[in-house]
Amino acid sequence: MTETSTNDEVRRLEDLWAGQHGDEYVDRNFDAYSKRGPWWHKMIAQTRPTRVLEVGCNVGGNLRYIAKEAPDAQIYGIDINRKALGLVREIVPEGNFMREHASELPFRDGWFDFVFTMGVLIHQPDDSLETVMSEIVRVSRRYVMAGEVYSAERNSIPYRGIPESFIGRDYGGIYQRVAPELTLVDTGEMGKDEDFDTLRYWLFEKK
């Protein structure tokens, strides 16, 4: 794939989530996070973060629980959808939210001690995925977590009829290849009974 076609694919997906498709996702999923509290209670007890970044925070379906479980932590989130950012500022008023691209995070190295995605890497095209992962690792001082759809082999599923917009991969394996300084400390399944859409999580510690 040429550099031009790579940039076109990245732009296509960014425009998709920044525009009407992303707005409709916000509306459709606004009330879909009510059971995530117990899962985040365990994760925060395990990691004890003081400064957190969610890449692709949407309306704060995760950060609202982190803010509750770690009330003294500094909460940050980025997203490219303006509607989501307007809502998350109301839901997590103590947080810091900005419209930024995941492939070029506006933070210095090691600024956060916990950086994560939840159902976001599945929407990254192949040619920007490792750049996004490398940026996540770069800005983390200690923990990196991915909650994504697992597939042993790359598996692209049309999302609401849109091709190449939902991709299952072995994200844990890709992280370890991209960033060998990461050590896997925990992994497991995340189910629909916890308001996760059958995801797998990988928690890494950066050495």
C-alpha atoms as a PDB file:
ATOM      1  CA  MET A   1       0.000   0.000   0.000  1.00  0.00           C
ATOM      2  CA  THR A   2       1.411   3.388  -0.982  1.00  0.00           C
ATOM      3  CA  GLU A   3       1.791   6.263   1.467  1.00  0.00           C
ATOM      4  CA  THR A   4      -1.027   8.103  -0.306  1.00  0.00           C
ATOM      5  CA  SER A   5      -3.443   5.176  -0.041  1.00  0.00           C
ATOM      6  CA  THR A   6      -2.445   4.631   3.594  1.00  0.00           C
ATOM      7  CA  ASN A   7      -3.214   8.259   4.412  1.00  0.00           C
ATOM      8  CA  ASP A   8      -6.506   7.996   2.521  1.00  0.00           C
ATOM      9  CA  GLU A   9      -7.548   4.957   4.579  1.00  0.00           C
ATOM     10  CA  VAL A  10      -6.650   6.642   7.860  1.00  0.00           C
ATOM     11  CA  ARG A  11      -8.572   9.743   6.796  1.00  0.00           C
ATOM     12  CA  ARG A  12     -11.575   7.660   5.714  1.00  0.00           C
ATOM     13  CA  LEU A  13     -11.923   6.062   9.142  1.00  0.00           C
ATOM     14  CA  GLU A  14     -11.230   9.266  11.043  1.00  0.00           C
ATOM     15  CA  ASP A  15     -13.890  11.082   9.031  1.00  0.00           C
ATOM     16  CA  LEU A  16     -16.265   8.185   9.658  1.00  0.00           C
ATOM     17  CA  TRP A  17     -15.973   8.424  13.443  1.00  0.00           C
ATOM     18  CA  ALA A  18     -15.771  12.206  13.543  1.00  0.00           C
ATOM     19  CA  GLY A  19     -18.947  12.630  11.495  1.00  0.00           C
ATOM     20  CA  GLN A  20     -22.511  11.332  11.416  1.00  0.00           C
ATOM     21  CA  HIS A  21     -21.506   7.696  11.878  1.00  0.00           C
ATOM     22  CA  GLY A  22     -19.735   8.632  15.112  1.00  0.00           C
ATOM     23  CA  ASP A  23     -22.646  10.796  16.246  1.00  0.00           C
ATOM     24  CA  GLU A  24     -25.046   7.891  15.703  1.00  0.00           C
ATOM     25  CA  TYR A  25     -22.734   5.629  17.716  1.00  0.00           C
ATOM     26  CA  VAL A  26     -22.855   8.120  20.586  1.00  0.00           C
ATOM     27  CA  ASP A  27     -26.663   8.183  20.530  1.00  0.00           C
ATOM     28  CA  ARG A  28     -26.958   4.424  20.251  1.00  0.00           C
ATOM     29  CA  ASN A  29     -24.564   3.617  23.091  1.00  0.00           C
ATOM     30  CA  PHE A  30     -25.071   6.484  25.510  1.00  0.00           C
ATOM     31  CA  ASP A  31     -26.762   4.257  28.129  1.00  0.00           C
ATOM     32  CA  ALA A  32     -24.764   1.102  27.417  1.00  0.00           C
ATOM     33  CA  TYR A  33     -22.234   1.258  30.245  1.00  0.00           C
ATOM     34  CA  SER A  34     -24.219   0.811  33.440  1.00  0.00           C
ATOM     35  CA  LYS A  35     -22.675  -2.537  34.485  1.00  0.00           C
ATOM     36  CA  ARG A  36     -18.980  -1.772  34.048  1.00  0.00           C
ATOM     37  CA  GLY A  37     -18.394  -0.565  37.612  1.00  0.00           C
ATOM     38  CA  PRO A  38     -17.349  -3.893  39.232  1.00  0.00           C
ATOM     39  CA  TRP A  39     -14.862  -4.657  36.446  1.00  0.00           C
ATOM     40  CA  TRP A  40     -13.228  -1.269  36.813  1.00  0.00           C
ATOM     41  CA  HIS A  41     -13.195  -1.607  40.594  1.00  0.00           C
ATOM     42  CA  LYS A  42     -10.914  -4.647  40.235  1.00  0.00           C
ATOM     43  CA  MET A  43      -8.698  -3.054  37.588  1.00  0.00           C
ATOM     44  CA  ILE A  44      -8.169   0.154  39.538  1.00  0.00           C
ATOM     45  CA  ALA A  45      -7.400  -1.800  42.705  1.00  0.00           C
ATOM     46  CA  GLN A  46      -4.752  -3.671  40.714  1.00  0.00           C
ATOM     47  CA  THR A  47      -3.112  -0.672  39.041  1.00  0.00           C
ATOM     48  CA  ARG A  48      -3.752   2.218  41.460  1.00  0.00           C
ATOM     49  CA  PRO A  49      -3.253   4.951  38.851  1.00  0.00           C
ATOM     50  CA  THR A  50      -2.630   8.606  39.607  1.00  0.00           C
ATOM     51  CA  ARG A  51      -2.845   9.918  36.016  1.00  0.00           C
ATOM     52  CA  VAL A  52      -4.983   8.104  33.434  1.00  0.00           C
ATOM     53  CA  LEU A  53      -5.485   8.509  29.691  1.00  0.00           C
ATOM     54  CA  GLU A  54      -8.186   6.821  27.629  1.00  0.00           C
ATOM     55  CA  VAL A  55      -7.525   6.949  23.893  1.00  0.00           C
ATOM     56  CA  GLY A  56     -10.965   7.062  22.288  1.00  0.00           C
ATOM     57  CA  CYS A  57     -12.929   8.006  25.401  1.00  0.00           C
ATOM     58  CA  ASN A  58     -16.276   8.641  23.653  1.00  0.00           C
ATOM     59  CA  VAL A  59     -18.880   9.653  26.307  1.00  0.00           C
ATOM     60  CA  GLY A  60     -16.892   8.404  29.314  1.00  0.00           C
ATOM     61  CA  GLY A  61     -18.369   4.931  29.690  1.00  0.00           C
ATOM     62  CA  ASN A  62     -15.096   3.874  31.320  1.00  0.00           C
ATOM     63  CA  LEU A  63     -13.694   7.082  32.747  1.00  0.00           C
ATOM     64  CA  ARG A  64     -16.794   7.738  34.854  1.00  0.00           C
ATOM     65  CA  TYR A  65     -15.941   4.610  36.861  1.00  0.00           C
ATOM     66  CA  ILE A  66     -12.239   5.347  37.033  1.00  0.00           C
ATOM     67  CA  ALA A  67     -13.028   8.808  38.408  1.00  0.00           C
ATOM     68  CA  LYS A  68     -15.157   7.154  41.083  1.00  0.00           C
ATOM     69  CA  GLU A  69     -12.668   4.409  41.981  1.00  0.00           C
ATOM     70  CA  ALA A  70      -9.618   6.711  41.912  1.00  0.00           C
ATOM     71  CA  PRO A  71     -11.012  10.105  43.000  1.00  0.00           C
ATOM     72  CA  ASP A  72      -7.562  11.648  43.405  1.00  0.00           C
ATOM     73  CA  ALA A  73      -6.356  10.587  39.958  1.00  0.00           C
ATOM     74  CA  GLN A  74      -6.009  13.037  37.088  1.00  0.00           C
ATOM     75  CA  ILE A  75      -8.323  11.891  34.291  1.00  0.00           C
ATOM     76  CA  TYR A  76      -7.616  12.552  30.611  1.00  0.00           C
ATOM     77  CA  GLY A  77      -9.399  11.448  27.469  1.00  0.00           C
ATOM     78  CA  ILE A  78      -9.064  12.085  23.757  1.00  0.00           C
ATOM     79  CA  ASP A  79     -11.554  11.510  20.958  1.00  0.00           C
ATOM     80  CA  ILE A  80     -12.209  12.836  17.456  1.00  0.00           C
ATOM     81  CA  ASN A  81     -15.988  13.096  17.777  1.00  0.00           C
ATOM     82  CA  ARG A  82     -17.114  16.525  18.977  1.00  0.00           C
ATOM     83  CA  LYS A  83     -20.510  15.326  20.167  1.00  0.00           C
ATOM     84  CA  ALA A  84     -18.916  12.686  22.400  1.00  0.00           C
ATOM     85  CA  LEU A  85     -16.499  15.231  23.845  1.00  0.00           C
ATOM     86  CA  GLY A  86     -19.331  17.600  24.689  1.00  0.00           C
ATOM     87  CA  LEU A  87     -21.103  14.859  26.625  1.00  0.00           C
ATOM     88  CA  VAL A  88     -18.078  13.421  28.407  1.00  0.00           C
ATOM     89  CA  ARG A  89     -17.245  16.863  29.818  1.00  0.00           C
ATOM     90  CA  GLU A  90     -20.637  16.825  31.514  1.00  0.00           C
ATOM     91  CA  ILE A  91     -20.398  13.207  32.706  1.00  0.00           C
ATOM     92  CA  VAL A  92     -16.835  13.467  34.057  1.00  0.00           C
ATOM     93  CA  PRO A  93     -16.560  17.199  34.845  1.00  0.00           C
ATOM     94  CA  GLU A  94     -13.275  16.770  36.698  1.00  0.00           C
ATOM     95  CA  GLY A  95     -11.611  15.281  33.610  1.00  0.00           C
ATOM     96  CA  ASN A  96      -9.445  16.820  30.911  1.00  0.00           C
ATOM     97  CA  PHE A  97     -10.749  16.132  27.402  1.00  0.00           C
ATOM     98  CA  MET A  98      -9.529  17.167  23.988  1.00  0.00           C
ATOM     99  CA  ARG A  99     -10.038  16.471  20.323  1.00  0.00           C
ATOM    100  CA  GLU A 100      -6.859  14.755  19.187  1.00  0.00           C
ATOM    101  CA  HIS A 101      -5.676  11.986  16.880  1.00  0.00           C
ATOM    102  CA  ALA A 102      -4.444   8.731  18.428  1.00  0.00           C
ATOM    103  CA  SER A 103      -1.488   8.543  16.040  1.00  0.00           C
ATOM    104  CA  GLU A 104       0.095  11.702  17.469  1.00  0.00           C
ATOM    105  CA  LEU A 105      -0.665  12.105  21.159  1.00  0.00           C
ATOM    106  CA  PRO A 106       0.020  15.619  22.518  1.00  0.00           C
ATOM    107  CA  PHE A 107       1.696  14.442  25.717  1.00  0.00           C
ATOM    108  CA  ARG A 108       5.283  14.012  26.780  1.00  0.00           C
ATOM    109  CA  ASP A 109       6.925  10.638  27.293  1.00  0.00           C
ATOM    110  CA  GLY A 110       5.804   8.756  30.404  1.00  0.00           C
ATOM    111  CA  TRP A 111       3.252  11.403  31.420  1.00  0.00           C
ATOM    112  CA  PHE A 112       0.618   8.829  32.460  1.00  0.00           C
ATOM    113  CA  ASP A 113       0.869   5.755  34.620  1.00  0.00           C
ATOM    114  CA  PHE A 114      -2.163   4.061  33.010  1.00  0.00           C
ATOM    115  CA  VAL A 115      -3.083   4.404  29.314  1.00  0.00           C
ATOM    116  CA  PHE A 116      -5.759   2.295  27.671  1.00  0.00           C
ATOM    117  CA  THR A 117      -8.170   1.707  24.813  1.00  0.00           C
ATOM    118  CA  MET A 118     -11.512  -0.044  24.920  1.00  0.00           C
ATOM    119  CA  GLY A 119     -12.879  -1.121  21.557  1.00  0.00           C
ATOM    120  CA  VAL A 120     -10.803   1.452  19.678  1.00  0.00           C
ATOM    121  CA  LEU A 121      -7.890  -0.411  18.085  1.00  0.00           C
ATOM    122  CA  ILE A 122     -10.429  -2.572  16.239  1.00  0.00           C
ATOM    123  CA  HIS A 123     -11.261   0.513  14.176  1.00  0.00           C
ATOM    124  CA  GLN A 124      -7.657   1.315  13.239  1.00  0.00           C
ATOM    125  CA  PRO A 125      -6.437   0.529   9.706  1.00  0.00           C
ATOM    126  CA  ASP A 126      -3.439  -1.790   9.453  1.00  0.00           C
ATOM    127  CA  ASP A 127      -0.999   0.911   8.436  1.00  0.00           C
ATOM    128  CA  SER A 128      -1.662   3.216  11.386  1.00  0.00           C
ATOM    129  CA  LEU A 129      -2.215   0.557  14.066  1.00  0.00           C
ATOM    130  CA  GLU A 130       1.398   0.185  15.159  1.00  0.00           C
ATOM    131  CA  THR A 131       1.885   3.959  15.187  1.00  0.00           C
ATOM    132  CA  VAL A 132      -1.091   4.319  17.535  1.00  0.00           C
ATOM    133  CA  MET A 133       0.184   1.510  19.756  1.00  0.00           C
ATOM    134  CA  SER A 134       3.672   3.023  19.876  1.00  0.00           C
ATOM    135  CA  GLU A 135       2.228   6.385  20.890  1.00  0.00           C
ATOM    136  CA  ILE A 136       0.221   4.751  23.683  1.00  0.00           C
ATOM    137  CA  VAL A 137       3.351   3.024  24.969  1.00  0.00           C
ATOM    138  CA  ARG A 138       5.396   6.210  24.668  1.00  0.00           C
ATOM    139  CA  VAL A 139       3.135   8.316  26.890  1.00  0.00           C
ATOM    140  CA  SER A 140       2.776   5.588  29.551  1.00  0.00           C
ATOM    141  CA  ARG A 141       5.158   5.384  32.449  1.00  0.00           C
ATOM    142  CA  ARG A 142       3.880   2.078  33.795  1.00  0.00           C
ATOM    143  CA  TYR A 143       0.663   0.400  32.598  1.00  0.00           C
ATOM    144  CA  VAL A 144      -0.808  -0.100  29.133  1.00  0.00           C
ATOM    145  CA  MET A 145      -4.132  -1.862  28.683  1.00  0.00           C
ATOM    146  CA  ALA A 146      -6.096  -2.875  25.607  1.00  0.00           C
ATOM    147  CA  GLY A 147      -9.692  -4.098  25.714  1.00  0.00           C
ATOM    148  CA  GLU A 148     -10.363  -5.233  22.148  1.00  0.00           C
ATOM    149  CA  VAL A 149     -11.917  -7.974  20.015  1.00  0.00           C
ATOM    150  CA  TYR A 150      -9.509 -10.901  19.830  1.00  0.00           C
ATOM    151  CA  SER A 151      -8.874 -13.001  16.765  1.00  0.00           C
ATOM    152  CA  ALA A 152      -5.854 -15.265  16.269  1.00  0.00           C
ATOM    153  CA  GLU A 153      -5.815 -14.197  12.627  1.00  0.00           C
ATOM    154  CA  ARG A 154      -6.805 -10.809  11.237  1.00  0.00           C
ATOM    155  CA  ASN A 155     -10.591 -10.861  10.830  1.00  0.00           C
ATOM    156  CA  SER A 156     -12.304  -7.867   9.237  1.00  0.00           C
ATOM    157  CA  ILE A 157     -16.058  -7.609   9.770  1.00  0.00           C
ATOM    158  CA  PRO A 158     -18.180  -4.919   8.064  1.00  0.00           C
ATOM    159  CA  TYR A 159     -19.538  -2.684  10.830  1.00  0.00           C
ATOM    160  CA  ARG A 160     -23.061  -1.529  10.002  1.00  0.00           C
ATOM    161  CA  GLY A 161     -22.299  -2.209   6.360  1.00  0.00           C
ATOM    162  CA  ILE A 162     -19.009  -0.282   6.285  1.00  0.00           C
ATOM    163  CA  PRO A 163     -16.052  -2.426   5.117  1.00  0.00           C
ATOM    164  CA  GLU A 164     -12.699  -2.527   6.929  1.00  0.00           C
ATOM    165  CA  SER A 165     -14.052  -0.666   9.931  1.00  0.00           C
ATOM    166  CA  PHE A 166     -14.077  -3.445  12.579  1.00  0.00           C
ATOM    167  CA  ILE A 167     -11.031  -5.711  12.732  1.00  0.00           C
ATOM    168  CA  GLY A 168     -10.347  -8.516  15.183  1.00  0.00           C
ATOM    169  CA  ARG A 169      -6.651  -9.170  15.760  1.00  0.00           C
ATOM    170  CA  ASP A 170      -4.293 -10.591  18.382  1.00  0.00           C
ATOM    171  CA  TYR A 171      -3.738  -7.201  19.953  1.00  0.00           C
ATOM    172  CA  GLY A 172      -1.771  -8.602  22.866  1.00  0.00           C
ATOM    173  CA  GLY A 173       0.677 -10.266  20.512  1.00  0.00           C
ATOM    174  CA  ILE A 174       0.994  -7.144  18.376  1.00  0.00           C
ATOM    175  CA  TYR A 175       1.735  -5.003  21.432  1.00  0.00           C
ATOM    176  CA  GLN A 176       4.500  -7.356  22.526  1.00  0.00           C
ATOM    177  CA  ARG A 177       6.042  -7.245  19.058  1.00  0.00           C
ATOM    178  CA  VAL A 178       5.762  -3.464  18.742  1.00  0.00           C
ATOM    179  CA  ALA A 179       6.954  -2.752  22.301  1.00  0.00           C
ATOM    180  CA  PRO A 180       9.146  -5.541  23.741  1.00  0.00           C
ATOM    181  CA  GLU A 181       9.567  -3.465  26.899  1.00  0.00           C
ATOM    182  CA  LEU A 182       6.005  -4.470  27.847  1.00  0.00           C
ATOM    183  CA  THR A 183       5.411  -7.440  30.145  1.00  0.00           C
ATOM    184  CA  LEU A 184       1.982  -9.058  30.200  1.00  0.00           C
ATOM    185  CA  VAL A 185       0.694  -9.083  33.775  1.00  0.00           C
ATOM    186  CA  ASP A 186      -2.987  -9.935  33.293  1.00  0.00           C
ATOM    187  CA  THR A 187      -5.425 -10.955  30.575  1.00  0.00           C
ATOM    188  CA  GLY A 188      -8.962 -12.281  30.383  1.00  0.00           C
ATOM    189  CA  GLU A 189     -12.383 -12.095  28.790  1.00  0.00           C
ATOM    190  CA  MET A 190     -14.841  -9.247  29.255  1.00  0.00           C
ATOM    191  CA  GLY A 191     -18.454 -10.258  28.753  1.00  0.00           C
ATOM    192  CA  LYS A 192     -21.773  -8.747  27.783  1.00  0.00           C
ATOM    193  CA  ASP A 193     -22.997  -9.176  31.366  1.00  0.00           C
ATOM    194  CA  GLU A 194     -20.496  -6.417  32.238  1.00  0.00           C
ATOM    195  CA  ASP A 195     -21.646  -4.242  29.322  1.00  0.00           C
ATOM    196  CA  PHE A 196     -18.580  -5.162  27.289  1.00  0.00           C
ATOM    197  CA  ASP A 197     -19.239  -6.515  23.830  1.00  0.00           C
ATOM    198  CA  THR A 198     -17.256  -9.756  24.292  1.00  0.00           C
ATOM    199  CA  LEU A 199     -13.804  -8.219  24.461  1.00  0.00           C
ATOM    200  CA  ARG A 200     -10.503  -9.561  25.669  1.00  0.00           C
ATOM    201  CA  TYR A 201      -8.234  -7.391  27.773  1.00  0.00           C
ATOM    202  CA  TRP A 202      -4.471  -7.383  28.029  1.00  0.00           C
ATOM    203  CA  LEU A 203      -2.774  -5.475  30.863  1.00  0.00           C
ATOM    204  CA  PHE A 204       0.923  -4.759  30.361  1.00  0.00           C
ATOM    205  CA  GLU A 205       3.533  -3.265  32.635  1.00  0.00           C
ATOM    206  CA  LYS A 206       6.253  -1.183  31.049  1.00  0.00           C
ATOM    207  CA  LYS A 207       9.741  -2.079  32.236  1.00  0.00           C
END
